PDB file of N, CA and C in Angstrom:
ATOM      1  N   MET A   1       0.852  -1.179   0.000  1.00  0.00           N
ATOM      2  CA  MET A   1       0.000   0.000   0.000  1.00  0.00           C
ATOM      3  C   MET A   1       0.895   1.240   0.000  1.00  0.00           C
ATOM      4  N   PRO A   2       0.670   2.178  -0.904  1.00  0.00           N
ATOM      5  CA  PRO A   2       1.486   3.388  -0.927  1.00  0.00           C
ATOM      6  C   PRO A   2       1.219   4.246   0.310  1.00  0.00           C
ATOM      7  N   ILE A   3       2.261   4.896   0.746  1.00  0.00           N
ATOM      8  CA  ILE A   3       2.143   5.768   1.914  1.00  0.00           C
ATOM      9  C   ILE A   3       1.513   7.082   1.487  1.00  0.00           C
ATOM     10  N   ASP A   4       0.528   7.533   2.227  1.00  0.00           N
ATOM     11  CA  ASP A   4      -0.127   8.813   1.971  1.00  0.00           C
ATOM     12  C   ASP A   4       0.673   9.892   2.714  1.00  0.00           C
ATOM     13  N   GLU A   5       1.589  10.536   1.994  1.00  0.00           N
ATOM     14  CA  GLU A   5       2.486  11.519   2.619  1.00  0.00           C
ATOM     15  C   GLU A   5       1.737  12.702   3.221  1.00  0.00           C
ATOM     16  N   LEU A   6       0.709  13.183   2.553  1.00  0.00           N
ATOM     17  CA  LEU A   6      -0.050  14.315   3.083  1.00  0.00           C
ATOM     18  C   LEU A   6      -0.737  13.923   4.391  1.00  0.00           C
ATOM     19  N   ALA A   7      -1.315  12.730   4.437  1.00  0.00           N
ATOM     20  CA  ALA A   7      -1.959  12.255   5.661  1.00  0.00           C
ATOM     21  C   ALA A   7      -0.930  12.111   6.781  1.00  0.00           C
ATOM     22  N   ARG A   8       0.243  11.580   6.447  1.00  0.00           N
ATOM     23  CA  ARG A   8       1.296  11.417   7.456  1.00  0.00           C
ATOM     24  C   ARG A   8       1.724  12.775   8.014  1.00  0.00           C
ATOM     25  N   LYS A   9       1.862  13.768   7.135  1.00  0.00           N
ATOM     26  CA  LYS A   9       2.245  15.113   7.590  1.00  0.00           C
ATOM     27  C   LYS A   9       1.156  15.716   8.478  1.00  0.00           C
ATOM     28  N   ARG A  10      -0.108  15.519   8.093  1.00  0.00           N
ATOM     29  CA  ARG A  10      -1.210  16.025   8.931  1.00  0.00           C
ATOM     30  C   ARG A  10      -1.186  15.349  10.300  1.00  0.00           C
ATOM     31  N   TRP A  11      -0.949  14.036  10.314  1.00  0.00           N
ATOM     32  CA  TRP A  11      -0.893  13.290  11.572  1.00  0.00           C
ATOM     33  C   TRP A  11       0.239  13.817  12.454  1.00  0.00           C
ATOM     34  N   LEU A  12       1.406  14.033  11.874  1.00  0.00           N
ATOM     35  CA  LEU A  12       2.546  14.512  12.650  1.00  0.00           C
ATOM     36  C   LEU A  12       2.393  15.961  13.096  1.00  0.00           C
ATOM     37  N   SER A  13       1.474  16.704  12.477  1.00  0.00           N
ATOM     38  CA  SER A  13       1.235  18.086  12.900  1.00  0.00           C
ATOM     39  C   SER A  13       0.390  18.147  14.173  1.00  0.00           C
ATOM     40  N   ILE A  14      -0.230  17.047  14.551  1.00  0.00           N
ATOM     41  CA  ILE A  14      -0.996  16.965  15.796  1.00  0.00           C
ATOM     42  C   ILE A  14       0.010  16.814  16.928  1.00  0.00           C
ATOM     43  N   PRO A  15      -0.145  17.556  18.029  1.00  0.00           N
ATOM     44  CA  PRO A  15       0.804  17.443  19.141  1.00  0.00           C
ATOM     45  C   PRO A  15       0.935  15.986  19.620  1.00  0.00           C
ATOM     46  N   ALA A  16       2.147  15.603  20.006  1.00  0.00           N
ATOM     47  CA  ALA A  16       2.461  14.224  20.379  1.00  0.00           C
ATOM     48  C   ALA A  16       1.559  13.691  21.490  1.00  0.00           C
ATOM     49  N   ASP A  17       1.229  14.514  22.477  1.00  0.00           N
ATOM     50  CA  ASP A  17       0.392  14.033  23.572  1.00  0.00           C
ATOM     51  C   ASP A  17      -1.031  13.722  23.095  1.00  0.00           C
ATOM     52  N   ILE A  18      -1.527  14.492  22.145  1.00  0.00           N
ATOM     53  CA  ILE A  18      -2.864  14.238  21.576  1.00  0.00           C
ATOM     54  C   ILE A  18      -2.827  12.976  20.712  1.00  0.00           C
ATOM     55  N   ARG A  19      -1.750  12.824  19.906  1.00  0.00           N
ATOM     56  CA  ARG A  19      -1.615  11.605  19.092  1.00  0.00           C
ATOM     57  C   ARG A  19      -1.617  10.363  19.983  1.00  0.00           C
ATOM     58  N   LYS A  20      -0.920  10.426  21.101  1.00  0.00           N
ATOM     59  CA  LYS A  20      -0.862   9.295  22.028  1.00  0.00           C
ATOM     60  C   LYS A  20      -2.257   8.965  22.570  1.00  0.00           C
ATOM     61  N   GLU A  21      -3.020   9.996  22.929  1.00  0.00           N
ATOM     62  CA  GLU A  21      -4.390   9.776  23.410  1.00  0.00           C
ATOM     63  C   GLU A  21      -5.247   9.110  22.339  1.00  0.00           C
ATOM     64  N   LEU A  22      -5.104   9.555  21.093  1.00  0.00           N
ATOM     65  CA  LEU A  22      -5.872   8.969  19.997  1.00  0.00           C
ATOM     66  C   LEU A  22      -5.474   7.517  19.756  1.00  0.00           C
ATOM     67  N   GLU A  23      -4.184   7.227  19.829  1.00  0.00           N
ATOM     68  CA  GLU A  23      -3.695   5.853  19.646  1.00  0.00           C
ATOM     69  C   GLU A  23      -4.214   4.917  20.741  1.00  0.00           C
ATOM     70  N   GLU A  24      -4.395   5.452  21.939  1.00  0.00           N
ATOM     71  CA  GLU A  24      -4.806   4.638  23.084  1.00  0.00           C
ATOM     72  C   GLU A  24      -6.316   4.576  23.263  1.00  0.00           C
ATOM     73  N   ASN A  25      -7.071   5.158  22.359  1.00  0.00           N
ATOM     74  CA  ASN A  25      -8.520   5.176  22.468  1.00  0.00           C
ATOM     75  C   ASN A  25      -9.143   4.720  21.151  1.00  0.00           C
ATOM     76  N   VAL A  26      -8.950   3.440  20.832  1.00  0.00           N
ATOM     77  CA  VAL A  26      -9.432   2.842  19.586  1.00  0.00           C
ATOM     78  C   VAL A  26     -10.375   1.703  19.947  1.00  0.00           C
ATOM     79  N   PHE A  27     -11.453   1.546  19.180  1.00  0.00           N
ATOM     80  CA  PHE A  27     -12.409   0.482  19.449  1.00  0.00           C
ATOM     81  C   PHE A  27     -12.011  -0.805  18.747  1.00  0.00           C
ATOM     82  N   CYS A  28     -12.013  -1.893  19.505  1.00  0.00           N
ATOM     83  CA  CYS A  28     -11.792  -3.236  18.974  1.00  0.00           C
ATOM     84  C   CYS A  28     -13.058  -4.034  19.253  1.00  0.00           C
ATOM     85  N   GLY A  29     -13.587  -4.737  18.260  1.00  0.00           N
ATOM     86  CA  GLY A  29     -14.796  -5.533  18.431  1.00  0.00           C
ATOM     87  C   GLY A  29     -14.637  -6.660  19.438  1.00  0.00           C
ATOM     88  N   ASN A  30     -13.405  -7.036  19.723  1.00  0.00           N
ATOM     89  CA  ASN A  30     -13.133  -8.115  20.668  1.00  0.00           C
ATOM     90  C   ASN A  30     -12.791  -7.574  22.061  1.00  0.00           C
ATOM     91  N   CYS A  31     -11.956  -6.554  22.121  1.00  0.00           N
ATOM     92  CA  CYS A  31     -11.428  -6.048  23.397  1.00  0.00           C
ATOM     93  C   CYS A  31     -12.084  -4.743  23.851  1.00  0.00           C
ATOM     94  N   PHE A  32     -12.887  -4.155  23.008  1.00  0.00           N
ATOM     95  CA  PHE A  32     -13.515  -2.854  23.230  1.00  0.00           C
ATOM     96  C   PHE A  32     -12.475  -1.745  23.128  1.00  0.00           C
ATOM     97  N   VAL A  33     -12.176  -0.990  24.170  1.00  0.00           N
ATOM     98  CA  VAL A  33     -11.210   0.107  24.051  1.00  0.00           C
ATOM     99  C   VAL A  33      -9.801  -0.479  24.130  1.00  0.00           C
ATOM    100  N   THR A  34      -8.973  -0.104  23.158  1.00  0.00           N
ATOM    101  CA  THR A  34      -7.627  -0.660  23.078  1.00  0.00           C
ATOM    102  C   THR A  34      -6.655   0.375  22.546  1.00  0.00           C
ATOM    103  N   THR A  35      -5.418  -0.034  22.395  1.00  0.00           N
ATOM    104  CA  THR A  35      -4.372   0.775  21.775  1.00  0.00           C
ATOM    105  C   THR A  35      -4.083   0.200  20.394  1.00  0.00           C
ATOM    106  N   ILE A  36      -3.974   1.082  19.404  1.00  0.00           N
ATOM    107  CA  ILE A  36      -3.645   0.648  18.049  1.00  0.00           C
ATOM    108  C   ILE A  36      -2.120   0.575  17.910  1.00  0.00           C
ATOM    109  N   VAL A  37      -1.631  -0.509  17.305  1.00  0.00           N
ATOM    110  CA  VAL A  37      -0.194  -0.685  17.067  1.00  0.00           C
ATOM    111  C   VAL A  37       0.022  -1.052  15.604  1.00  0.00           C
ATOM    112  N   ASP A  38       1.249  -0.930  15.157  1.00  0.00           N
ATOM    113  CA  ASP A  38       1.623  -1.286  13.785  1.00  0.00           C
ATOM    114  C   ASP A  38       0.663  -0.662  12.766  1.00  0.00           C
ATOM    115  N   TYR A  39       0.391   0.625  12.939  1.00  0.00           N
ATOM    116  CA  TYR A  39      -0.607   1.272  12.089  1.00  0.00           C
ATOM    117  C   TYR A  39       0.023   2.110  10.991  1.00  0.00           C
ATOM    118  N   GLN A  40      -0.795   2.368   9.981  1.00  0.00           N
ATOM    119  CA  GLN A  40      -0.459   3.285   8.900  1.00  0.00           C
ATOM    120  C   GLN A  40      -1.485   4.410   8.921  1.00  0.00           C
ATOM    121  N   VAL A  41      -1.059   5.564   8.486  1.00  0.00           N
ATOM    122  CA  VAL A  41      -1.946   6.724   8.414  1.00  0.00           C
ATOM    123  C   VAL A  41      -2.378   6.902   6.965  1.00  0.00           C
ATOM    124  N   ASP A  42      -3.672   7.042   6.771  1.00  0.00           N
ATOM    125  CA  ASP A  42      -4.236   7.211   5.434  1.00  0.00           C
ATOM    126  C   ASP A  42      -5.260   8.335   5.513  1.00  0.00           C
ATOM    127  N   SER A  43      -5.802   8.721   4.382  1.00  0.00           N
ATOM    128  CA  SER A  43      -6.882   9.702   4.395  1.00  0.00           C
ATOM    129  C   SER A  43      -8.027   9.174   3.549  1.00  0.00           C
ATOM    130  N   GLU A  44      -9.237   9.423   4.032  1.00  0.00           N
ATOM    131  CA  GLU A  44     -10.451   9.034   3.326  1.00  0.00           C
ATOM    132  C   GLU A  44     -11.475  10.140   3.522  1.00  0.00           C
ATOM    133  N   ASP A  45     -11.996  10.653   2.438  1.00  0.00           N
ATOM    134  CA  ASP A  45     -12.999  11.718   2.485  1.00  0.00           C
ATOM    135  C   ASP A  45     -12.553  12.905   3.328  1.00  0.00           C
ATOM    136  N   GLY A  46     -11.265  13.228   3.282  1.00  0.00           N
ATOM    137  CA  GLY A  46     -10.744  14.369   4.022  1.00  0.00           C
ATOM    138  C   GLY A  46     -10.433  14.108   5.476  1.00  0.00           C
ATOM    139  N   ASN A  47     -10.695  12.902   5.958  1.00  0.00           N
ATOM    140  CA  ASN A  47     -10.410  12.540   7.345  1.00  0.00           C
ATOM    141  C   ASN A  47      -9.145  11.692   7.418  1.00  0.00           C
ATOM    142  N   LEU A  48      -8.418  11.821   8.512  1.00  0.00           N
ATOM    143  CA  LEU A  48      -7.293  10.926   8.755  1.00  0.00           C
ATOM    144  C   LEU A  48      -7.831   9.596   9.262  1.00  0.00           C
ATOM    145  N   VAL A  49      -7.208   8.507   8.835  1.00  0.00           N
ATOM    146  CA  VAL A  49      -7.615   7.178   9.280  1.00  0.00           C
ATOM    147  C   VAL A  49      -6.367   6.414   9.686  1.00  0.00           C
ATOM    148  N   LEU A  50      -6.365   5.926  10.925  1.00  0.00           N
ATOM    149  CA  LEU A  50      -5.295   5.052  11.387  1.00  0.00           C
ATOM    150  C   LEU A  50      -5.780   3.620  11.183  1.00  0.00           C
ATOM    151  N   LYS A  51      -4.992   2.809  10.483  1.00  0.00           N
ATOM    152  CA  LYS A  51      -5.348   1.415  10.237  1.00  0.00           C
ATOM    153  C   LYS A  51      -4.216   0.554  10.765  1.00  0.00           C
ATOM    154  N   GLY A  52      -4.546  -0.327  11.721  1.00  0.00           N
ATOM    155  CA  GLY A  52      -3.507  -1.148  12.319  1.00  0.00           C
ATOM    156  C   GLY A  52      -4.073  -2.345  13.048  1.00  0.00           C
ATOM    157  N   LYS A  53      -3.402  -2.724  14.130  1.00  0.00           N
ATOM    158  CA  LYS A  53      -3.756  -3.911  14.897  1.00  0.00           C
ATOM    159  C   LYS A  53      -4.059  -3.540  16.343  1.00  0.00           C
ATOM    160  N   CYS A  54      -4.950  -4.320  16.963  1.00  0.00           N
ATOM    161  CA  CYS A  54      -5.248  -4.183  18.391  1.00  0.00           C
ATOM    162  C   CYS A  54      -4.024  -4.672  19.169  1.00  0.00           C
ATOM    163  N   LYS A  55      -3.611  -3.905  20.144  1.00  0.00           N
ATOM    164  CA  LYS A  55      -2.449  -4.272  20.958  1.00  0.00           C
ATOM    165  C   LYS A  55      -2.696  -5.561  21.739  1.00  0.00           C
ATOM    166  N   SER A  56      -3.932  -5.811  22.129  1.00  0.00           N
ATOM    167  CA  SER A  56      -4.248  -6.967  22.970  1.00  0.00           C
ATOM    168  C   SER A  56      -4.453  -8.263  22.192  1.00  0.00           C
ATOM    169  N   CYS A  57      -5.264  -8.217  21.123  1.00  0.00           N
ATOM    170  CA  CYS A  57      -5.641  -9.464  20.441  1.00  0.00           C
ATOM    171  C   CYS A  57      -5.124  -9.555  19.003  1.00  0.00           C
ATOM    172  N   ASN A  58      -4.488  -8.487  18.517  1.00  0.00           N
ATOM    173  CA  ASN A  58      -3.896  -8.444  17.176  1.00  0.00           C
ATOM    174  C   ASN A  58      -4.907  -8.439  16.027  1.00  0.00           C
ATOM    175  N   ARG A  59      -6.186  -8.171  16.298  1.00  0.00           N
ATOM    176  CA  ARG A  59      -7.173  -8.044  15.225  1.00  0.00           C
ATOM    177  C   ARG A  59      -7.012  -6.699  14.540  1.00  0.00           C
ATOM    178  N   ASP A  60      -7.513  -6.606  13.316  1.00  0.00           N
ATOM    179  CA  ASP A  60      -7.485  -5.343  12.585  1.00  0.00           C
ATOM    180  C   ASP A  60      -8.403  -4.327  13.267  1.00  0.00           C
ATOM    181  N   VAL A  61      -7.907  -3.105  13.435  1.00  0.00           N
ATOM    182  CA  VAL A  61      -8.704  -2.012  13.978  1.00  0.00           C
ATOM    183  C   VAL A  61      -8.406  -0.751  13.170  1.00  0.00           C
ATOM    184  N   ALA A  62      -9.279   0.226  13.286  1.00  0.00           N
ATOM    185  CA  ALA A  62      -9.094   1.506  12.611  1.00  0.00           C
ATOM    186  C   ALA A  62      -9.650   2.616  13.488  1.00  0.00           C
ATOM    187  N   ARG A  63      -9.105   3.804  13.306  1.00  0.00           N
ATOM    188  CA  ARG A  63      -9.572   4.979  14.033  1.00  0.00           C
ATOM    189  C   ARG A  63      -9.680   6.122  13.044  1.00  0.00           C
ATOM    190  N   VAL A  64     -10.873   6.721  12.941  1.00  0.00           N
ATOM    191  CA  VAL A  64     -11.089   7.879  12.070  1.00  0.00           C
ATOM    192  C   VAL A  64     -10.893   9.138  12.901  1.00  0.00           C
ATOM    193  N   ILE A  65     -10.140  10.064  12.364  1.00  0.00           N
ATOM    194  CA  ILE A  65      -9.890  11.340  13.034  1.00  0.00           C
ATOM    195  C   ILE A  65     -10.359  12.433  12.087  1.00  0.00           C
ATOM    196  N   ASP A  66     -11.440  13.127  12.491  1.00  0.00           N
ATOM    197  CA  ASP A  66     -11.969  14.167  11.619  1.00  0.00           C
ATOM    198  C   ASP A  66     -11.596  15.547  12.088  1.00  0.00           C
TER     199      ASP A  66
END
């Protein structure tokens, strides 16, 4: 999958403490609230989307940031 450079730059423009909060507040259908790991940043319909794995069970998870 090609890296979305604009999305990555937008993600890095968010203060580190806020990014950490967003990473640690992701919904997993198995574990409920979890931390996203091994994620990529993409954009869809003008929103940032983190796509990665649940830290606890390793299932696919995503977080939309509008």
